[in-house]
Amino acid sequence: MASTVHVVRHGEVHNPESILYGRQPGWKLS
Protein backbone atom coordinates (compact mmCIF):
# COMPACT_ATOMS: atom_id res chain seq x y z
CA MET A 1 0.00 0.00 0.00
CA ALA A 2 3.04 2.22 0.38
CA SER A 3 3.29 2.45 -3.40
CA THR A 4 -0.22 3.91 -3.57
CA VAL A 5 0.63 6.58 -1.00
CA HIS A 6 3.79 7.43 -2.92
CA VAL A 7 1.80 7.87 -6.13
CA VAL A 8 -0.77 10.10 -4.45
CA ARG A 9 1.92 12.27 -2.88
CA HIS A 10 3.96 12.40 -6.08
CA GLY A 11 1.20 13.04 -8.60
CA GLU A 12 -1.51 14.31 -6.25
CA VAL A 13 -4.16 12.86 -8.55
CA HIS A 14 -7.74 12.35 -7.41
CA ASN A 15 -7.96 8.79 -8.65
CA PRO A 16 -9.47 5.97 -6.55
CA GLU A 17 -7.43 3.51 -8.61
CA SER A 18 -4.22 5.47 -8.21
CA ILE A 19 -2.40 2.14 -8.09
CA LEU A 20 -2.80 2.04 -11.88
CA TYR A 21 -1.40 5.55 -12.17
CA GLY A 22 2.09 4.36 -13.05
CA ARG A 23 0.69 1.93 -15.62
CA GLN A 24 -1.41 4.49 -17.49
CA PRO A 25 0.61 6.41 -20.11
CA GLY A 26 -2.32 8.82 -20.48
CA TRP A 27 -1.71 10.37 -17.07
CA LYS A 28 0.72 13.27 -16.88
CA LEU A 29 2.50 14.55 -13.79
CA SER A 30 1.67 18.11 -12.85
PDB file of N, CA and C in Angstrom:
ATOM      1  N   MET A   1       0.846  -1.210   0.000  1.00  0.00           N
ATOM      2  CA  MET A   1       0.000   0.000   0.000  1.00  0.00           C
ATOM      3  C   MET A   1       0.878   1.256   0.000  1.00  0.00           C
ATOM      4  N   ALA A   2       2.124   1.076   0.335  1.00  0.00           N
ATOM      5  CA  ALA A   2       3.038   2.215   0.379  1.00  0.00           C
ATOM      6  C   ALA A   2       3.200   2.820  -1.012  1.00  0.00           C
ATOM      7  N   SER A   3       3.133   1.965  -2.028  1.00  0.00           N
ATOM      8  CA  SER A   3       3.286   2.448  -3.402  1.00  0.00           C
ATOM      9  C   SER A   3       2.137   3.379  -3.771  1.00  0.00           C
ATOM     10  N   THR A   4       0.943   3.074  -3.274  1.00  0.00           N
ATOM     11  CA  THR A   4      -0.224   3.907  -3.568  1.00  0.00           C
ATOM     12  C   THR A   4      -0.060   5.283  -2.939  1.00  0.00           C
ATOM     13  N   VAL A   5       0.425   5.315  -1.712  1.00  0.00           N
ATOM     14  CA  VAL A   5       0.627   6.581  -1.005  1.00  0.00           C
ATOM     15  C   VAL A   5       1.673   7.409  -1.729  1.00  0.00           C
ATOM     16  N   HIS A   6       2.713   6.746  -2.214  1.00  0.00           N
ATOM     17  CA  HIS A   6       3.787   7.429  -2.922  1.00  0.00           C
ATOM     18  C   HIS A   6       3.253   8.077  -4.200  1.00  0.00           C
ATOM     19  N   VAL A   7       2.381   7.358  -4.883  1.00  0.00           N
ATOM     20  CA  VAL A   7       1.800   7.872  -6.130  1.00  0.00           C
ATOM     21  C   VAL A   7       0.935   9.085  -5.853  1.00  0.00           C
ATOM     22  N   VAL A   8       0.128   9.007  -4.798  1.00  0.00           N
ATOM     23  CA  VAL A   8      -0.775  10.100  -4.454  1.00  0.00           C
ATOM     24  C   VAL A   8       0.020  11.339  -4.062  1.00  0.00           C
ATOM     25  N   ARG A   9       1.117  11.133  -3.342  1.00  0.00           N
ATOM     26  CA  ARG A   9       1.920  12.266  -2.883  1.00  0.00           C
ATOM     27  C   ARG A   9       2.766  12.823  -4.025  1.00  0.00           C
ATOM     28  N   HIS A  10       3.091  11.972  -4.987  1.00  0.00           N
ATOM     29  CA  HIS A  10       3.955  12.400  -6.084  1.00  0.00           C
ATOM     30  C   HIS A  10       3.160  13.064  -7.198  1.00  0.00           C
ATOM     31  N   GLY A  11       2.003  12.485  -7.508  1.00  0.00           N
ATOM     32  CA  GLY A  11       1.196  13.036  -8.598  1.00  0.00           C
ATOM     33  C   GLY A  11       0.040  13.869  -8.092  1.00  0.00           C
ATOM     34  N   GLU A  12      -0.376  13.596  -6.851  1.00  0.00           N
ATOM     35  CA  GLU A  12      -1.506  14.311  -6.247  1.00  0.00           C
ATOM     36  C   GLU A  12      -2.722  14.256  -7.173  1.00  0.00           C
ATOM     37  N   VAL A  13      -3.032  13.058  -7.634  1.00  0.00           N
ATOM     38  CA  VAL A  13      -4.155  12.862  -8.551  1.00  0.00           C
ATOM     39  C   VAL A  13      -5.340  12.291  -7.801  1.00  0.00           C
ATOM     40  N   HIS A  14      -6.525  12.828  -8.074  1.00  0.00           N
ATOM     41  CA  HIS A  14      -7.737  12.348  -7.411  1.00  0.00           C
ATOM     42  C   HIS A  14      -8.257  11.133  -8.164  1.00  0.00           C
ATOM     43  N   ASN A  15      -7.587  10.008  -7.944  1.00  0.00           N
ATOM     44  CA  ASN A  15      -7.962   8.787  -8.651  1.00  0.00           C
ATOM     45  C   ASN A  15      -8.065   7.637  -7.661  1.00  0.00           C
ATOM     46  N   PRO A  16      -9.260   7.069  -7.484  1.00  0.00           N
ATOM     47  CA  PRO A  16      -9.470   5.966  -6.551  1.00  0.00           C
ATOM     48  C   PRO A  16      -8.623   4.751  -6.909  1.00  0.00           C
ATOM     49  N   GLU A  17      -8.274   4.624  -8.177  1.00  0.00           N
ATOM     50  CA  GLU A  17      -7.427   3.508  -8.609  1.00  0.00           C
ATOM     51  C   GLU A  17      -6.043   4.048  -8.921  1.00  0.00           C
ATOM     52  N   SER A  18      -5.522   4.842  -8.010  1.00  0.00           N
ATOM     53  CA  SER A  18      -4.221   5.473  -8.211  1.00  0.00           C
ATOM     54  C   SER A  18      -3.113   4.440  -8.361  1.00  0.00           C
ATOM     55  N   ILE A  19      -3.413   3.194  -7.980  1.00  0.00           N
ATOM     56  CA  ILE A  19      -2.403   2.140  -8.089  1.00  0.00           C
ATOM     57  C   ILE A  19      -2.089   1.861  -9.557  1.00  0.00           C
ATOM     58  N   LEU A  20      -3.009   2.241 -10.440  1.00  0.00           N
ATOM     59  CA  LEU A  20      -2.800   2.037 -11.877  1.00  0.00           C
ATOM     60  C   LEU A  20      -2.174   3.275 -12.505  1.00  0.00           C
ATOM     61  N   TYR A  21      -1.921   4.276 -11.689  1.00  0.00           N
ATOM     62  CA  TYR A  21      -1.398   5.551 -12.169  1.00  0.00           C
ATOM     63  C   TYR A  21      -0.106   5.360 -12.965  1.00  0.00           C
ATOM     64  N   GLY A  22       0.791   4.568 -12.413  1.00  0.00           N
ATOM     65  CA  GLY A  22       2.088   4.355 -13.054  1.00  0.00           C
ATOM     66  C   GLY A  22       1.979   3.491 -14.302  1.00  0.00           C
ATOM     67  N   ARG A  23       0.837   2.824 -14.471  1.00  0.00           N
ATOM     68  CA  ARG A  23       0.691   1.929 -15.620  1.00  0.00           C
ATOM     69  C   ARG A  23      -0.124   2.598 -16.721  1.00  0.00           C
ATOM     70  N   GLN A  24      -0.596   3.805 -16.485  1.00  0.00           N
ATOM     71  CA  GLN A  24      -1.412   4.492 -17.487  1.00  0.00           C
ATOM     72  C   GLN A  24      -0.594   5.607 -18.141  1.00  0.00           C
ATOM     73  N   PRO A  25      -0.199   5.413 -19.389  1.00  0.00           N
ATOM     74  CA  PRO A  25       0.608   6.407 -20.108  1.00  0.00           C
ATOM     75  C   PRO A  25      -0.169   7.693 -20.383  1.00  0.00           C
ATOM     76  N   GLY A  26      -1.484   7.648 -20.208  1.00  0.00           N
ATOM     77  CA  GLY A  26      -2.315   8.818 -20.476  1.00  0.00           C
ATOM     78  C   GLY A  26      -2.214   9.862 -19.377  1.00  0.00           C
ATOM     79  N   TRP A  27      -1.798   9.424 -18.184  1.00  0.00           N
ATOM     80  CA  TRP A  27      -1.707  10.372 -17.065  1.00  0.00           C
ATOM     81  C   TRP A  27      -0.406  11.155 -17.141  1.00  0.00           C
ATOM     82  N   LYS A  28      -0.484  12.432 -16.852  1.00  0.00           N
ATOM     83  CA  LYS A  28       0.717  13.268 -16.880  1.00  0.00           C
ATOM     84  C   LYS A  28       0.939  13.897 -15.510  1.00  0.00           C
ATOM     85  N   LEU A  29       2.187  13.961 -15.092  1.00  0.00           N
ATOM     86  CA  LEU A  29       2.504  14.550 -13.790  1.00  0.00           C
ATOM     87  C   LEU A  29       2.402  16.063 -13.870  1.00  0.00           C
ATOM     88  N   SER A  30       1.834  16.648 -12.851  1.00  0.00           N
ATOM     89  CA  SER A  30       1.668  18.106 -12.846  1.00  0.00           C
ATOM     90  C   SER A  30       2.982  18.762 -12.451  1.00  0.00           C
TER      91      SER A  30
END
